[in-house]
Amino acid sequence: EKRYLSAEVRFGVSGHTFVARSTKVTQPGWSAQ
């Protein structure tokens, strides 16, 4: 699905690297802060 925006956020937690892509719709399990 090509619903991803050009925005991409990368952050590290406990040594693990997570990649969060901004989407037009809020995906289940995603915490919007």
N, C-alpha and C. Protein backbone atom coordinates (compact mmCIF):
# COMPACT_ATOMS: atom_id res chain seq x y z
N GLU A 1 0.84 -1.19 0.00
CA GLU A 1 0.00 0.00 0.00
C GLU A 1 0.88 1.25 0.00
N LYS A 2 0.59 2.14 -0.92
CA LYS A 2 1.40 3.36 -1.04
C LYS A 2 0.76 4.52 -0.29
N ARG A 3 0.42 4.29 0.97
CA ARG A 3 -0.23 5.35 1.75
C ARG A 3 0.78 6.12 2.58
N TYR A 4 2.05 5.77 2.44
CA TYR A 4 3.08 6.40 3.25
C TYR A 4 3.39 7.81 2.75
N LEU A 5 3.60 8.71 3.68
CA LEU A 5 3.99 10.07 3.31
C LEU A 5 5.50 10.11 3.16
N SER A 6 6.01 11.24 2.73
CA SER A 6 7.45 11.36 2.52
C SER A 6 8.19 11.45 3.85
N ALA A 7 7.43 11.65 4.92
CA ALA A 7 8.05 11.79 6.24
C ALA A 7 8.39 10.43 6.82
N GLU A 8 9.59 10.34 7.37
CA GLU A 8 10.00 9.08 7.99
C GLU A 8 10.77 9.38 9.27
N VAL A 9 10.37 8.71 10.34
CA VAL A 9 11.01 8.98 11.63
C VAL A 9 11.75 7.75 12.13
N ARG A 10 13.00 7.95 12.54
CA ARG A 10 13.78 6.84 13.08
C ARG A 10 14.15 7.15 14.52
N PHE A 11 13.96 6.20 15.41
CA PHE A 11 14.34 6.41 16.79
C PHE A 11 14.82 5.10 17.40
N GLY A 12 15.71 5.20 18.38
CA GLY A 12 16.27 3.99 18.99
C GLY A 12 15.76 3.82 20.41
N VAL A 13 15.38 2.58 20.75
CA VAL A 13 14.91 2.30 22.10
C VAL A 13 15.58 1.03 22.61
N SER A 14 16.25 1.15 23.74
CA SER A 14 16.92 0.01 24.34
C SER A 14 17.90 -0.66 23.37
N GLY A 15 18.53 0.16 22.54
CA GLY A 15 19.51 -0.37 21.60
C GLY A 15 18.88 -0.89 20.33
N HIS A 16 17.55 -0.89 20.28
CA HIS A 16 16.87 -1.36 19.08
C HIS A 16 16.46 -0.17 18.23
N THR A 17 16.56 -0.33 16.93
CA THR A 17 16.20 0.76 16.03
C THR A 17 14.79 0.55 15.45
N PHE A 18 13.92 1.51 15.70
CA PHE A 18 12.56 1.43 15.19
C PHE A 18 12.36 2.45 14.08
N VAL A 19 11.65 2.05 13.05
CA VAL A 19 11.37 2.98 11.96
C VAL A 19 9.87 3.23 11.86
N ALA A 20 9.48 4.48 12.10
CA ALA A 20 8.06 4.82 12.04
C ALA A 20 7.79 5.71 10.85
N ARG A 21 6.91 5.28 9.97
CA ARG A 21 6.59 6.08 8.80
C ARG A 21 5.25 6.79 9.02
N SER A 22 5.21 8.04 8.68
CA SER A 22 3.98 8.80 8.85
C SER A 22 2.96 8.39 7.79
N THR A 23 1.78 8.01 8.23
CA THR A 23 0.76 7.59 7.29
C THR A 23 -0.45 8.52 7.39
N LYS A 24 -1.29 8.49 6.37
CA LYS A 24 -2.47 9.34 6.36
C LYS A 24 -3.52 8.79 7.32
N VAL A 25 -3.38 7.51 7.65
CA VAL A 25 -4.33 6.89 8.57
C VAL A 25 -3.59 6.36 9.79
N THR A 26 -4.24 6.42 10.95
CA THR A 26 -3.63 5.95 12.18
C THR A 26 -3.71 4.44 12.24
N GLN A 27 -2.57 3.79 12.27
CA GLN A 27 -2.55 2.33 12.28
C GLN A 27 -2.79 1.81 13.69
N PRO A 28 -3.42 0.65 13.80
CA PRO A 28 -3.70 0.02 15.09
C PRO A 28 -2.41 -0.23 15.86
N GLY A 29 -2.38 0.17 17.13
CA GLY A 29 -1.21 -0.09 17.95
C GLY A 29 -0.25 1.09 17.94
N TRP A 30 -0.52 2.08 17.08
CA TRP A 30 0.34 3.25 17.02
C TRP A 30 -0.14 4.28 18.02
N SER A 31 0.78 4.71 18.89
CA SER A 31 0.41 5.71 19.89
C SER A 31 0.74 7.11 19.40
N ALA A 32 -0.27 7.88 19.10
CA ALA A 32 -0.06 9.25 18.64
C ALA A 32 0.10 10.17 19.84
N GLN A 33 1.28 10.76 19.99
CA GLN A 33 1.53 11.63 21.14
C GLN A 33 1.71 13.07 20.69
